[in-house]
Amino acid sequence: MSHDIEDTCPAWLRRRTAGWPGRSPDVERLVITAVTVEKQPVSEVARSYGVARSWICTLLARYRAEGEAAFEPRSRRPLTSPRAISADTADLIVRLRKELTDQGLDAGPVTIAWHLEHHHNSRVSAATVGRHLTRHGLVTPEPRKRGQVRCSARLSFWRSARLSFWPRRWRARSTARGGTRCAGPTGP
């Protein structure tokens, strides 16, 4: 074992994955090979690859349990979502939408959220109700209102209109400063 681990792993790969253990299957393979095949100490491998000893121990346990499948990318999605609403509440949202629409009443997200809170003792935000209605296809998509004109475009229009009435010496002071401020007779 005369060669060093740094010879097997290029510096750019070590730098790229130093803060992100488990991101690259190549580094995982190199670490496992260094520990299992080359019989190098875990502390030395962790130091040379810039990863934590605990991560190497986790990786070794996974490799011993799963074999080559340990190198497959894993999902980082949580197993549960504790803040998600229950399936019963989601069904109730859809049912309320249908009932209110059949009665000819307002069946928007705010109204449904109010009914859920006052009649069914379930507090759900109107945004959540709207997301569930959209997910179930109960909302007809409408185009959003036209976006506002950017402030800088509006200001540049008004600035040019105002400058046309100012005396020339005031305009020169304003444009000499890059045009960011309009300097009047008492201005900066």
Protein backbone atom coordinates (compact mmCIF):
# COMPACT_ATOMS: atom_id res chain seq x y z
CA MET A 1 0.00 0.00 0.00
CA SER A 2 2.68 2.48 -0.96
CA HIS A 3 0.52 4.83 -3.01
CA ASP A 4 -1.52 7.48 -1.31
CA ILE A 5 -5.28 7.84 -1.65
CA GLU A 6 -4.80 11.33 -3.05
CA ASP A 7 -3.28 9.69 -6.14
CA THR A 8 -6.49 7.77 -6.84
CA CYS A 9 -8.91 10.68 -6.45
CA PRO A 10 -8.31 13.84 -8.48
CA ALA A 11 -8.29 17.10 -6.52
CA TRP A 12 -11.24 18.57 -8.44
CA LEU A 13 -13.38 15.56 -7.49
CA ARG A 14 -12.41 15.84 -3.84
CA ARG A 15 -13.19 19.57 -3.81
CA ARG A 16 -16.50 19.09 -5.62
CA THR A 17 -17.81 16.47 -3.22
CA ALA A 18 -16.13 17.56 0.01
CA GLY A 19 -19.18 19.33 1.40
CA TRP A 20 -21.68 16.94 -0.14
CA PRO A 21 -21.08 13.39 1.01
CA GLY A 22 -23.06 10.84 -0.92
CA ARG A 23 -23.55 13.05 -3.97
CA SER A 24 -21.20 11.25 -6.32
CA PRO A 25 -21.30 7.45 -6.78
CA ASP A 26 -17.70 7.66 -8.00
CA VAL A 27 -16.50 8.98 -4.66
CA GLU A 28 -18.58 6.40 -2.81
CA ARG A 29 -16.97 3.66 -4.88
CA LEU A 30 -13.48 5.07 -4.28
CA VAL A 31 -14.06 5.35 -0.54
CA ILE A 32 -15.42 1.79 -0.28
CA THR A 33 -12.54 0.45 -2.36
CA ALA A 34 -9.97 2.27 -0.23
CA VAL A 35 -11.40 0.87 3.00
CA THR A 36 -12.37 -2.67 1.95
CA VAL A 37 -9.88 -3.62 -0.74
CA GLU A 38 -6.83 -1.55 0.16
CA LYS A 39 -7.51 -1.97 3.91
CA GLN A 40 -6.78 1.66 4.74
CA PRO A 41 -8.00 3.12 8.03
CA VAL A 42 -11.32 4.94 7.93
CA SER A 43 -9.81 8.06 9.53
CA GLU A 44 -7.13 8.33 6.84
CA VAL A 45 -9.65 7.83 4.03
CA ALA A 46 -11.96 10.45 5.55
CA ARG A 47 -9.13 12.96 5.82
CA SER A 48 -7.83 12.44 2.29
CA TYR A 49 -11.26 12.54 0.62
CA GLY A 50 -12.57 15.37 2.79
CA VAL A 51 -15.60 13.50 4.10
CA ALA A 52 -16.80 12.66 7.60
CA ARG A 53 -15.87 9.40 9.30
CA SER A 54 -19.53 8.87 10.23
CA TRP A 55 -20.53 9.07 6.57
CA ILE A 56 -17.90 6.45 5.65
CA CYS A 57 -19.16 4.16 8.43
CA THR A 58 -22.73 4.60 7.17
CA LEU A 59 -21.59 3.88 3.62
CA LEU A 60 -19.69 0.75 4.73
CA ALA A 61 -22.72 -0.58 6.63
CA ARG A 62 -24.92 0.02 3.60
CA TYR A 63 -22.37 -1.67 1.31
CA ARG A 64 -22.14 -4.73 3.57
CA ALA A 65 -25.93 -5.01 3.73
CA GLU A 66 -26.83 -4.26 0.09
CA GLY A 67 -23.69 -4.90 -1.94
CA GLU A 68 -23.48 -3.00 -5.26
CA ALA A 69 -26.97 -1.54 -4.77
CA ALA A 70 -25.48 0.74 -2.11
CA PHE A 71 -24.00 2.90 -4.90
CA GLU A 72 -27.37 3.71 -6.49
CA PRO A 73 -28.59 7.28 -5.90
CA ARG A 74 -31.05 7.57 -3.04
CA SER A 75 -34.07 9.82 -2.79
CA ARG A 76 -33.79 12.69 -0.32
CA ARG A 77 -37.54 13.03 -0.07
CA PRO A 78 -38.85 12.64 3.48
CA LEU A 79 -40.82 9.51 4.26
CA THR A 80 -43.70 11.50 5.72
CA SER A 81 -45.05 15.01 5.37
CA PRO A 82 -46.44 15.94 8.79
CA ARG A 83 -47.95 19.24 7.64
CA ALA A 84 -49.89 17.71 4.73
CA ILE A 85 -53.66 17.58 5.08
CA SER A 86 -55.31 14.21 5.44
CA ALA A 87 -57.00 12.37 2.59
CA ASP A 88 -60.36 12.84 4.35
CA THR A 89 -59.91 16.61 4.35
CA ALA A 90 -58.92 16.58 0.68
CA ASP A 91 -62.06 14.59 -0.15
CA LEU A 92 -64.12 16.98 1.96
CA ILE A 93 -62.74 19.95 -0.02
CA VAL A 94 -63.81 18.35 -3.29
CA ARG A 95 -67.22 17.39 -1.88
CA LEU A 96 -67.83 20.90 -0.52
CA ARG A 97 -66.90 22.42 -3.86
CA LYS A 98 -69.44 20.20 -5.60
CA GLU A 99 -72.21 20.86 -3.02
CA LEU A 100 -71.73 24.63 -3.04
CA THR A 101 -71.62 24.74 -6.84
CA ASP A 102 -74.82 22.64 -7.10
CA GLN A 103 -76.59 25.04 -4.72
CA GLY A 104 -75.48 28.00 -6.83
CA LEU A 105 -73.38 29.47 -4.02
CA ASP A 106 -69.85 30.81 -4.12
CA ALA A 107 -67.46 27.87 -4.13
CA GLY A 108 -64.11 29.62 -4.05
CA PRO A 109 -61.17 28.62 -1.85
CA VAL A 110 -61.94 31.26 0.80
CA THR A 111 -65.55 30.10 1.11
CA ILE A 112 -64.57 26.45 1.31
CA ALA A 113 -61.93 27.26 3.96
CA TRP A 114 -64.61 29.10 5.96
CA HIS A 115 -67.00 26.12 5.72
CA LEU A 116 -64.24 23.74 6.77
CA GLU A 117 -63.42 25.83 9.82
CA HIS A 118 -66.96 26.64 10.96
CA HIS A 119 -68.89 23.49 10.04
CA HIS A 120 -66.27 20.74 10.04
CA ASN A 121 -63.78 21.95 12.69
CA SER A 122 -60.88 21.69 10.28
CA ARG A 123 -58.68 24.73 9.75
CA VAL A 124 -57.14 24.81 6.27
CA SER A 125 -55.76 27.89 4.52
CA ALA A 126 -57.44 29.18 1.39
CA ALA A 127 -54.18 28.66 -0.55
CA THR A 128 -54.18 24.97 0.38
CA VAL A 129 -57.81 24.65 -0.68
CA GLY A 130 -56.97 26.35 -3.98
CA ARG A 131 -54.05 23.96 -4.59
CA HIS A 132 -56.29 20.92 -3.99
CA LEU A 133 -59.01 22.27 -6.25
CA THR A 134 -56.46 22.87 -9.00
CA ARG A 135 -54.95 19.42 -8.49
CA HIS A 136 -58.37 17.81 -8.93
CA GLY A 137 -59.16 19.87 -12.02
CA LEU A 138 -62.02 21.80 -10.43
CA VAL A 139 -60.61 25.24 -11.21
CA THR A 140 -60.81 26.66 -14.70
CA PRO A 141 -57.50 28.35 -15.40
CA GLU A 142 -57.83 32.04 -16.10
CA PRO A 143 -55.02 34.21 -17.35
CA ARG A 144 -53.51 36.41 -14.70
CA LYS A 145 -53.96 40.12 -14.90
CA ARG A 146 -51.42 42.01 -16.93
CA GLY A 147 -48.20 42.63 -15.08
CA GLN A 148 -47.32 46.08 -13.92
CA VAL A 149 -44.88 48.23 -15.82
CA ARG A 150 -41.48 48.09 -14.23
CA CYS A 151 -40.84 50.98 -11.93
CA SER A 152 -37.67 52.03 -13.71
CA ALA A 153 -39.50 52.31 -17.05
CA ARG A 154 -42.26 54.40 -15.50
CA LEU A 155 -39.78 56.63 -13.70
CA SER A 156 -37.68 57.16 -16.79
CA PHE A 157 -40.80 58.28 -18.69
CA TRP A 158 -41.82 60.77 -16.00
CA ARG A 159 -38.25 61.92 -15.54
CA SER A 160 -37.84 62.69 -19.22
CA ALA A 161 -41.20 64.51 -19.24
CA ARG A 162 -40.19 66.62 -16.23
CA LEU A 163 -36.73 67.36 -17.57
CA SER A 164 -38.15 68.83 -20.75
CA PHE A 165 -39.59 71.69 -18.66
CA TRP A 166 -36.54 72.30 -16.47
CA PRO A 167 -33.93 74.91 -17.24
CA ARG A 168 -30.83 73.58 -18.93
CA ARG A 169 -28.54 74.07 -15.89
CA TRP A 170 -30.74 71.82 -13.72
CA ARG A 171 -30.85 69.13 -16.40
CA ALA A 172 -27.06 69.14 -16.63
CA ARG A 173 -26.70 68.60 -12.88
CA SER A 174 -29.15 65.70 -13.00
CA THR A 175 -27.58 63.85 -15.92
CA ALA A 176 -24.05 64.45 -14.63
CA ARG A 177 -24.90 62.30 -11.63
CA GLY A 178 -25.85 59.33 -13.79
CA GLY A 179 -29.51 60.20 -13.95
CA THR A 180 -30.36 58.41 -10.72
CA ARG A 181 -31.64 61.50 -8.93
CA CYS A 182 -33.42 64.50 -10.28
CA ALA A 183 -31.79 67.61 -8.91
CA GLY A 184 -34.07 70.60 -8.68
CA PRO A 185 -33.23 74.14 -7.69
CA THR A 186 -32.80 73.08 -4.05
CA GLY A 187 -31.68 69.51 -4.81
CA PRO A 188 -28.28 67.95 -4.12
